[in-house]
Amino acid sequence: MFQLTTAISQPILEAANISFHTNASKTLRYLESTAIKSRFLLSIDSMANKFLSYKISYPTNFSLKENSVAPKGVYSLLNNPLESYLNKKTAAKLNNKIESALSNITPNAYLFLDIIELPLMYALDNQGWDSAFLKQLNQKNNIAYYQFNLKIQGTNQQLLVDKKLELVLSRNKQTSVIGFSHPDINLSASSFLIMLESAIAILLDSTKDTELLQITAQPAIVADNFIQPNIRNQLKTQTVLKNGIIQYPRNGETHFLRYQEPNYTPIVLKGKNQTIITSLLKEAIKEEKGKEYLFLKEEFRDVLSDKNYILQTVASIANPAIIDAAALLVNKKIGLSFQFINGLHHYLFQDKDTIAKFSIATNVVDVNNRKFYHQLAIPNDSMTISVSTIDKTVKQQYAYNLYGELNSKTFKILYSGLNGNFESIREFFLNNKLVCIAQGNLYPEVFTVLDASITPLVLNQLLLLGFSSLF
């Protein structure tokens, strides 16, 4: 590291080259956004002034673009980038100073910065990180790996700063946001700027020798017309899972929900040990080649209300070799493909009382509900961020739709993603009104209530149904 001396006029640090490239996601292409690029460059200027007492200057032909050079090429470029840079300036005979008070001032030093994203598995397999850091990584969902390479050279090409920072981007294992993550962009625009600014602060601060950093960030959420508009400015409730019991606060009380392991009972259709079933169910069941029918059951408990529930569905185990495999949904918990029988043959019992009777539809496309992969949602804001000039609107496909009656009221639950998926969103309707949206993996991790009149008892019934491991 070097010590900068104070002069009458502030020394100039010319941004000779700031580039990025990616061999993984499209996250770094945020830097193609004028607003984000401007904010990033301003932060470099601010931190260079704070830590090095330099004023940043940009050549008239400066551009922050994706570098097409492969990773190994980028590393070699950084060995002595100034010589090549100065040769190009001389050959081009360009006026490389911006039209300002700095125009006629010769730079005191030159800055070179490369930001690189590499596939996460490449990083995890090839880095000799210490066990303490690896233990820290294992506590999160790690999603991306970045390298920041910074060099500052003086006018005589001496190396003044030479630092490298490795950064692992993570998410908390429990979600705290509701929405669909963008498949090609790892984090939100605000989190992206925080990541960049954190890295630049470390690189420019001579008192910090950090070479390895983990940052936990919020995901980039795809804009849509059916989730984000409904949860905007709504209070979100975070749950906690302790000893297998889901806990959350509401209206001054703590609620406790619990699932039991699912089980099944074969439905015997022939022979002396035939299962006793209703005539309506007999009519609904069709003996098709490759199918075995079951009662699938799961028990729930609402501890605070002292209510016990049994969910009972009728399904067949599908043989992918005989039935179209593309139409099958594999249950994450049990590992089998179920096909739920058509009709109102599925029940929720409270003790001995039937409180819900419903049908189950599979792989339902809703032409009105749409996700916009060319736009990102901004939390609690009607504005969106465009990440592509190409319209990438997709109709929403639900894994399951449950619809029928609950406590003598019509109800519907729309299932985006199967139980056990990283991203499972549930939309709950009562009397054709959207009353709650929840998201989680194996259980509801965060939810927002959209109808304050819904009772805790009914809310918990919906949440328990929505995150049953059968769906």
Foldseek 3Di string as FASTA:
>chain_A
DDAADDDPDFAEEEALEEEEAEPAFCAVVVCVDPVLVVLLVVLLQVLCCVAVVHGYWFFPPDDYYHDPDDPVVVVVCPPQVVVVSVVVCVVVVDQTTDPDPCSPPDHFKYKYKYKYWYFPVVPVVPDPDDPVVVVVVVQFAWGTKMKMWMWMAGPVSHTDFTAMAIEIETAHLFDDDAADFQPRHFAASVVVSVVSSVVSNQRSHPVHRHRYYYDYGHGFHFDWDPPQVQCQPFDKWFWDADPQWIWTDDPHDIKTKHKDDKDKDWQACDDPPGDDDDPVVVVQDDDDPAWTKIWIKIWMATVVVGWIKIKTFIWIFHDVVVDPPVQWDAQPVPRTTIDTTADFPIFMDTVPRTFWTKGKDAFDWDQVIKTWSQWTDDHNDPDIHGNDPDTDIDTDTFGMKIWTGGNNWTKIKTWRDAAQDSWIKIFIDTNNHTAKIFITHQFGRMMGGSDPPDDPVVVVVCRCVRRPSVD
